Amino acid sequence: MLNNIGLPGILLIAIVVLVLFGRGKISSLMGEVGKGITSFKRGVAEGKDEIESAEKAADEPVDITPEKDKA
């Protein structure tokens, strides 16, 4: 059903959305979408950095010899 929308259909939908919400509301909405995308990308980068630092820490040898009691 939605396979044959085409350019005229998309333009009609855009005009209806513009009339219903107004230019100001749409621009503020797009600004919020942009902030969300930026936040998502930053979170993905931080997660990637955290995984890489955990992998580097796992490669380093760790001293697991028990300490002797001083009793």
PDB file of N, CA and C in Angstrom:
ATOM      1  N   MET A   1       0.812  -1.194   0.000  1.00  0.00           N
ATOM      2  CA  MET A   1       0.000   0.000   0.000  1.00  0.00           C
ATOM      3  C   MET A   1       0.857   1.261   0.000  1.00  0.00           C
ATOM      4  N   LEU A   2       1.900   1.257   0.802  1.00  0.00           N
ATOM      5  CA  LEU A   2       2.751   2.445   0.890  1.00  0.00           C
ATOM      6  C   LEU A   2       3.890   2.428  -0.124  1.00  0.00           C
ATOM      7  N   ASN A   3       3.911   1.455  -0.995  1.00  0.00           N
ATOM      8  CA  ASN A   3       4.982   1.358  -1.973  1.00  0.00           C
ATOM      9  C   ASN A   3       4.890   2.424  -3.056  1.00  0.00           C
ATOM     10  N   ASN A   4       3.699   2.961  -3.315  1.00  0.00           N
ATOM     11  CA  ASN A   4       3.501   3.874  -4.435  1.00  0.00           C
ATOM     12  C   ASN A   4       3.220   5.312  -3.984  1.00  0.00           C
ATOM     13  N   ILE A   5       3.821   5.755  -2.880  1.00  0.00           N
ATOM     14  CA  ILE A   5       3.562   7.124  -2.409  1.00  0.00           C
ATOM     15  C   ILE A   5       4.145   8.129  -3.392  1.00  0.00           C
ATOM     16  N   GLY A   6       5.408   8.026  -3.696  1.00  0.00           N
ATOM     17  CA  GLY A   6       6.053   8.916  -4.653  1.00  0.00           C
ATOM     18  C   GLY A   6       6.281  10.312  -4.084  1.00  0.00           C
ATOM     19  N   LEU A   7       6.870  11.165  -4.895  1.00  0.00           N
ATOM     20  CA  LEU A   7       7.205  12.526  -4.488  1.00  0.00           C
ATOM     21  C   LEU A   7       5.971  13.382  -4.204  1.00  0.00           C
ATOM     22  N   PRO A   8       4.939  13.338  -5.031  1.00  0.00           N
ATOM     23  CA  PRO A   8       3.752  14.158  -4.730  1.00  0.00           C
ATOM     24  C   PRO A   8       3.095  13.785  -3.398  1.00  0.00           C
ATOM     25  N   GLY A   9       3.063  12.517  -3.081  1.00  0.00           N
ATOM     26  CA  GLY A   9       2.496  12.071  -1.808  1.00  0.00           C
ATOM     27  C   GLY A   9       3.297  12.561  -0.618  1.00  0.00           C
ATOM     28  N   ILE A  10       4.619  12.502  -0.743  1.00  0.00           N
ATOM     29  CA  ILE A  10       5.490  12.973   0.337  1.00  0.00           C
ATOM     30  C   ILE A  10       5.337  14.475   0.521  1.00  0.00           C
ATOM     31  N   LEU A  11       5.249  15.210  -0.572  1.00  0.00           N
ATOM     32  CA  LEU A  11       5.048  16.663  -0.476  1.00  0.00           C
ATOM     33  C   LEU A  11       3.708  16.991   0.173  1.00  0.00           C
ATOM     34  N   LEU A  12       2.678  16.256  -0.152  1.00  0.00           N
ATOM     35  CA  LEU A  12       1.365  16.471   0.449  1.00  0.00           C
ATOM     36  C   LEU A  12       1.402  16.206   1.948  1.00  0.00           C
ATOM     37  N   ILE A  13       2.058  15.137   2.354  1.00  0.00           N
ATOM     38  CA  ILE A  13       2.194  14.828   3.778  1.00  0.00           C
ATOM     39  C   ILE A  13       2.962  15.935   4.485  1.00  0.00           C
ATOM     40  N   ALA A  14       4.057  16.427   3.886  1.00  0.00           N
ATOM     41  CA  ALA A  14       4.851  17.497   4.487  1.00  0.00           C
ATOM     42  C   ALA A  14       4.028  18.771   4.650  1.00  0.00           C
ATOM     43  N   ILE A  15       3.207  19.093   3.667  1.00  0.00           N
ATOM     44  CA  ILE A  15       2.375  20.304   3.747  1.00  0.00           C
ATOM     45  C   ILE A  15       1.328  20.157   4.843  1.00  0.00           C
ATOM     46  N   VAL A  16       0.720  18.996   4.943  1.00  0.00           N
ATOM     47  CA  VAL A  16      -0.281  18.771   5.993  1.00  0.00           C
ATOM     48  C   VAL A  16       0.360  18.876   7.378  1.00  0.00           C
ATOM     49  N   VAL A  17       1.522  18.291   7.559  1.00  0.00           N
ATOM     50  CA  VAL A  17       2.222  18.375   8.845  1.00  0.00           C
ATOM     51  C   VAL A  17       2.578  19.820   9.155  1.00  0.00           C
ATOM     52  N   LEU A  18       3.035  20.566   8.167  1.00  0.00           N
ATOM     53  CA  LEU A  18       3.388  21.971   8.368  1.00  0.00           C
ATOM     54  C   LEU A  18       2.169  22.795   8.773  1.00  0.00           C
ATOM     55  N   VAL A  19       1.032  22.542   8.148  1.00  0.00           N
ATOM     56  CA  VAL A  19      -0.198  23.274   8.479  1.00  0.00           C
ATOM     57  C   VAL A  19      -0.672  22.913   9.885  1.00  0.00           C
ATOM     58  N   LEU A  20      -0.608  21.638  10.244  1.00  0.00           N
ATOM     59  CA  LEU A  20      -1.101  21.203  11.548  1.00  0.00           C
ATOM     60  C   LEU A  20      -0.232  21.712  12.700  1.00  0.00           C
ATOM     61  N   PHE A  21       1.069  21.634  12.559  1.00  0.00           N
ATOM     62  CA  PHE A  21       1.952  21.940  13.676  1.00  0.00           C
ATOM     63  C   PHE A  21       2.569  23.331  13.608  1.00  0.00           C
ATOM     64  N   GLY A  22       2.687  23.897  12.459  1.00  0.00           N
ATOM     65  CA  GLY A  22       3.305  25.209  12.337  1.00  0.00           C
ATOM     66  C   GLY A  22       4.806  25.115  12.223  1.00  0.00           C
ATOM     67  N   ARG A  23       5.392  26.164  11.664  1.00  0.00           N
ATOM     68  CA  ARG A  23       6.831  26.168  11.401  1.00  0.00           C
ATOM     69  C   ARG A  23       7.646  26.161  12.688  1.00  0.00           C
ATOM     70  N   GLY A  24       7.216  26.915  13.690  1.00  0.00           N
ATOM     71  CA  GLY A  24       7.978  27.008  14.940  1.00  0.00           C
ATOM     72  C   GLY A  24       8.036  25.698  15.687  1.00  0.00           C
ATOM     73  N   LYS A  25       6.906  25.005  15.741  1.00  0.00           N
ATOM     74  CA  LYS A  25       6.868  23.728  16.457  1.00  0.00           C
ATOM     75  C   LYS A  25       7.723  22.678  15.756  1.00  0.00           C
ATOM     76  N   ILE A  26       7.687  22.665  14.445  1.00  0.00           N
ATOM     77  CA  ILE A  26       8.472  21.681  13.691  1.00  0.00           C
ATOM     78  C   ILE A  26       9.967  21.956  13.848  1.00  0.00           C
ATOM     79  N   SER A  27      10.370  23.228  13.824  1.00  0.00           N
ATOM     80  CA  SER A  27      11.791  23.535  13.970  1.00  0.00           C
ATOM     81  C   SER A  27      12.291  23.174  15.363  1.00  0.00           C
ATOM     82  N   SER A  28      11.482  23.410  16.389  1.00  0.00           N
ATOM     83  CA  SER A  28      11.908  23.032  17.742  1.00  0.00           C
ATOM     84  C   SER A  28      11.961  21.507  17.881  1.00  0.00           C
ATOM     85  N   LEU A  29      11.030  20.829  17.228  1.00  0.00           N
ATOM     86  CA  LEU A  29      11.037  19.370  17.260  1.00  0.00           C
ATOM     87  C   LEU A  29      12.286  18.815  16.584  1.00  0.00           C
ATOM     88  N   MET A  30      12.660  19.376  15.456  1.00  0.00           N
ATOM     89  CA  MET A  30      13.862  18.923  14.756  1.00  0.00           C
ATOM     90  C   MET A  30      15.121  19.214  15.580  1.00  0.00           C
ATOM     91  N   GLY A  31      15.107  20.335  16.311  1.00  0.00           N
ATOM     92  CA  GLY A  31      16.235  20.630  17.199  1.00  0.00           C
ATOM     93  C   GLY A  31      16.375  19.581  18.290  1.00  0.00           C
ATOM     94  N   GLU A  32      15.243  19.158  18.847  1.00  0.00           N
ATOM     95  CA  GLU A  32      15.276  18.113  19.871  1.00  0.00           C
ATOM     96  C   GLU A  32      15.730  16.777  19.286  1.00  0.00           C
ATOM     97  N   VAL A  33      15.326  16.483  18.073  1.00  0.00           N
ATOM     98  CA  VAL A  33      15.771  15.252  17.411  1.00  0.00           C
ATOM     99  C   VAL A  33      17.289  15.292  17.209  1.00  0.00           C
ATOM    100  N   GLY A  34      17.802  16.443  16.806  1.00  0.00           N
ATOM    101  CA  GLY A  34      19.249  16.592  16.623  1.00  0.00           C
ATOM    102  C   GLY A  34      20.011  16.400  17.930  1.00  0.00           C
ATOM    103  N   LYS A  35      19.481  16.959  19.018  1.00  0.00           N
ATOM    104  CA  LYS A  35      20.119  16.777  20.331  1.00  0.00           C
ATOM    105  C   LYS A  35      20.105  15.314  20.744  1.00  0.00           C
ATOM    106  N   GLY A  36      18.999  14.631  20.450  1.00  0.00           N
ATOM    107  CA  GLY A  36      18.907  13.217  20.788  1.00  0.00           C
ATOM    108  C   GLY A  36      19.905  12.378  20.014  1.00  0.00           C
ATOM    109  N   ILE A  37      20.066  12.677  18.742  1.00  0.00           N
ATOM    110  CA  ILE A  37      21.029  11.939  17.919  1.00  0.00           C
ATOM    111  C   ILE A  37      22.448  12.185  18.421  1.00  0.00           C
ATOM    112  N   THR A  38      22.751  13.444  18.753  1.00  0.00           N
ATOM    113  CA  THR A  38      24.080  13.771  19.278  1.00  0.00           C
ATOM    114  C   THR A  38      24.343  13.036  20.587  1.00  0.00           C
ATOM    115  N   SER A  39      23.354  13.021  21.473  1.00  0.00           N
ATOM    116  CA  SER A  39      23.497  12.318  22.748  1.00  0.00           C
ATOM    117  C   SER A  39      23.692  10.819  22.537  1.00  0.00           C
ATOM    118  N   PHE A  40      22.960  10.252  21.605  1.00  0.00           N
ATOM    119  CA  PHE A  40      23.100   8.825  21.304  1.00  0.00           C
ATOM    120  C   PHE A  40      24.502   8.507  20.794  1.00  0.00           C
ATOM    121  N   LYS A  41      25.011   9.327  19.881  1.00  0.00           N
ATOM    122  CA  LYS A  41      26.351   9.098  19.338  1.00  0.00           C
ATOM    123  C   LYS A  41      27.410   9.217  20.429  1.00  0.00           C
ATOM    124  N   ARG A  42      27.235  10.197  21.331  1.00  0.00           N
ATOM    125  CA  ARG A  42      28.180  10.361  22.423  1.00  0.00           C
ATOM    126  C   ARG A  42      28.149   9.144  23.345  1.00  0.00           C
ATOM    127  N   GLY A  43      26.962   8.629  23.635  1.00  0.00           N
ATOM    128  CA  GLY A  43      26.836   7.443  24.477  1.00  0.00           C
ATOM    129  C   GLY A  43      27.478   6.224  23.847  1.00  0.00           C
ATOM    130  N   VAL A  44      27.302   6.061  22.545  1.00  0.00           N
ATOM    131  CA  VAL A  44      27.918   4.934  21.845  1.00  0.00           C
ATOM    132  C   VAL A  44      29.442   5.051  21.904  1.00  0.00           C
ATOM    133  N   ALA A  45      29.958   6.256  21.707  1.00  0.00           N
ATOM    134  CA  ALA A  45      31.413   6.458  21.752  1.00  0.00           C
ATOM    135  C   ALA A  45      31.956   6.184  23.155  1.00  0.00           C
ATOM    136  N   GLU A  46      31.235   6.641  24.183  1.00  0.00           N
ATOM    137  CA  GLU A  46      31.686   6.395  25.556  1.00  0.00           C
ATOM    138  C   GLU A  46      31.655   4.905  25.881  1.00  0.00           C
ATOM    139  N   GLY A  47      30.620   4.207  25.428  1.00  0.00           N
ATOM    140  CA  GLY A  47      30.546   2.767  25.645  1.00  0.00           C
ATOM    141  C   GLY A  47      31.676   2.032  24.940  1.00  0.00           C
ATOM    142  N   LYS A  48      31.988   2.468  23.738  1.00  0.00           N
ATOM    143  CA  LYS A  48      33.083   1.863  22.978  1.00  0.00           C
ATOM    144  C   LYS A  48      34.414   2.081  23.696  1.00  0.00           C
ATOM    145  N   ASP A  49      34.633   3.308  24.195  1.00  0.00           N
ATOM    146  CA  ASP A  49      35.858   3.600  24.931  1.00  0.00           C
ATOM    147  C   ASP A  49      35.945   2.764  26.206  1.00  0.00           C
ATOM    148  N   GLU A  50      34.808   2.591  26.890  1.00  0.00           N
ATOM    149  CA  GLU A  50      34.794   1.805  28.117  1.00  0.00           C
ATOM    150  C   GLU A  50      35.125   0.344  27.835  1.00  0.00           C
ATOM    151  N   ILE A  51      34.597  -0.188  26.757  1.00  0.00           N
ATOM    152  CA  ILE A  51      34.888  -1.578  26.387  1.00  0.00           C
ATOM    153  C   ILE A  51      36.362  -1.735  26.040  1.00  0.00           C
ATOM    154  N   GLU A  52      36.912  -0.774  25.279  1.00  0.00           N
ATOM    155  CA  GLU A  52      38.321  -0.853  24.911  1.00  0.00           C
ATOM    156  C   GLU A  52      39.216  -0.755  26.137  1.00  0.00           C
ATOM    157  N   SER A  53      38.885   0.110  27.096  1.00  0.00           N
ATOM    158  CA  SER A  53      39.712   0.226  28.296  1.00  0.00           C
ATOM    159  C   SER A  53      39.609  -1.035  29.151  1.00  0.00           C
ATOM    160  N   ALA A  54      38.443  -1.678  29.177  1.00  0.00           N
ATOM    161  CA  ALA A  54      38.286  -2.925  29.916  1.00  0.00           C
ATOM    162  C   ALA A  54      39.095  -4.038  29.262  1.00  0.00           C
ATOM    163  N   GLU A  55      39.149  -4.050  27.939  1.00  0.00           N
ATOM    164  CA  GLU A  55      39.944  -5.061  27.242  1.00  0.00           C
ATOM    165  C   GLU A  55      41.430  -4.861  27.514  1.00  0.00           C
ATOM    166  N   LYS A  56      41.870  -3.596  27.539  1.00  0.00           N
ATOM    167  CA  LYS A  56      43.280  -3.326  27.834  1.00  0.00           C
ATOM    168  C   LYS A  56      43.620  -3.734  29.260  1.00  0.00           C
ATOM    169  N   ALA A  57      42.708  -3.473  30.198  1.00  0.00           N
ATOM    170  CA  ALA A  57      42.946  -3.838  31.595  1.00  0.00           C
ATOM    171  C   ALA A  57      42.970  -5.350  31.754  1.00  0.00           C
ATOM    172  N   ALA A  58      42.207  -6.066  30.964  1.00  0.00           N
ATOM    173  CA  ALA A  58      42.185  -7.528  31.052  1.00  0.00           C
ATOM    174  C   ALA A  58      43.478  -8.126  30.516  1.00  0.00           C
ATOM    175  N   ASP A  59      44.160  -7.431  29.626  1.00  0.00           N
ATOM    176  CA  ASP A  59      45.403  -7.938  29.060  1.00  0.00           C
ATOM    177  C   ASP A  59      46.582  -7.773  30.015  1.00  0.00           C
ATOM    178  N   GLU A  60      46.489  -6.856  30.974  1.00  0.00           N
ATOM    179  CA  GLU A  60      47.590  -6.614  31.903  1.00  0.00           C
ATOM    180  C   GLU A  60      47.617  -7.710  32.969  1.00  0.00           C
ATOM    181  N   PRO A  61      48.814  -8.173  33.341  1.00  0.00           N
ATOM    182  CA  PRO A  61      48.894  -9.202  34.386  1.00  0.00           C
ATOM    183  C   PRO A  61      48.511  -8.626  35.746  1.00  0.00           C
ATOM    184  N   VAL A  62      47.864  -9.453  36.553  1.00  0.00           N
ATOM    185  CA  VAL A  62      47.423  -9.035  37.881  1.00  0.00           C
ATOM    186  C   VAL A  62      48.076  -9.935  38.908  1.00  0.00           C
ATOM    187  N   ASP A  63      48.609  -9.347  39.971  1.00  0.00           N
ATOM    188  CA  ASP A  63      49.243 -10.096  41.063  1.00  0.00           C
ATOM    189  C   ASP A  63      48.160 -10.655  41.971  1.00  0.00           C
ATOM    190  N   ILE A  64      48.033 -11.972  42.015  1.00  0.00           N
ATOM    191  CA  ILE A  64      46.993 -12.582  42.845  1.00  0.00           C
ATOM    192  C   ILE A  64      47.577 -13.402  43.985  1.00  0.00           C
ATOM    193  N   THR A  65      48.849 -13.211  44.290  1.00  0.00           N
ATOM    194  CA  THR A  65      49.459 -13.955  45.388  1.00  0.00           C
ATOM    195  C   THR A  65      48.892 -13.443  46.707  1.00  0.00           C
ATOM    196  N   PRO A  66      48.523 -14.355  47.603  1.00  0.00           N
ATOM    197  CA  PRO A  66      47.948 -13.922  48.885  1.00  0.00           C
ATOM    198  C   PRO A  66      49.017 -13.313  49.789  1.00  0.00           C
ATOM    199  N   GLU A  67      48.604 -12.339  50.583  1.00  0.00           N
ATOM    200  CA  GLU A  67      49.529 -11.722  51.536  1.00  0.00           C
ATOM    201  C   GLU A  67      49.638 -12.613  52.763  1.00  0.00           C
ATOM    202  N   LYS A  68      50.829 -12.639  53.383  1.00  0.00           N
ATOM    203  CA  LYS A  68      51.027 -13.450  54.580  1.00  0.00           C
ATOM    204  C   LYS A  68      50.501 -12.672  55.784  1.00  0.00           C
ATOM    205  N   ASP A  69      49.880 -13.394  56.719  1.00  0.00           N
ATOM    206  CA  ASP A  69      49.346 -12.761  57.931  1.00  0.00           C
ATOM    207  C   ASP A  69      50.507 -12.378  58.835  1.00  0.00           C
ATOM    208  N   LYS A  70      50.338 -11.265  59.515  1.00  0.00           N
ATOM    209  CA  LYS A  70      51.379 -10.765  60.432  1.00  0.00           C
ATOM    210  C   LYS A  70      50.954 -11.015  61.868  1.00  0.00           C
ATOM    211  N   ALA A  71      50.487 -12.182  62.208  1.00  0.00           N
ATOM    212  CA  ALA A  71      50.011 -12.480  63.568  1.00  0.00           C
ATOM    213  C   ALA A  71      51.069 -13.020  64.451  1.00  0.00           C
TER     214      ALA A  71
END
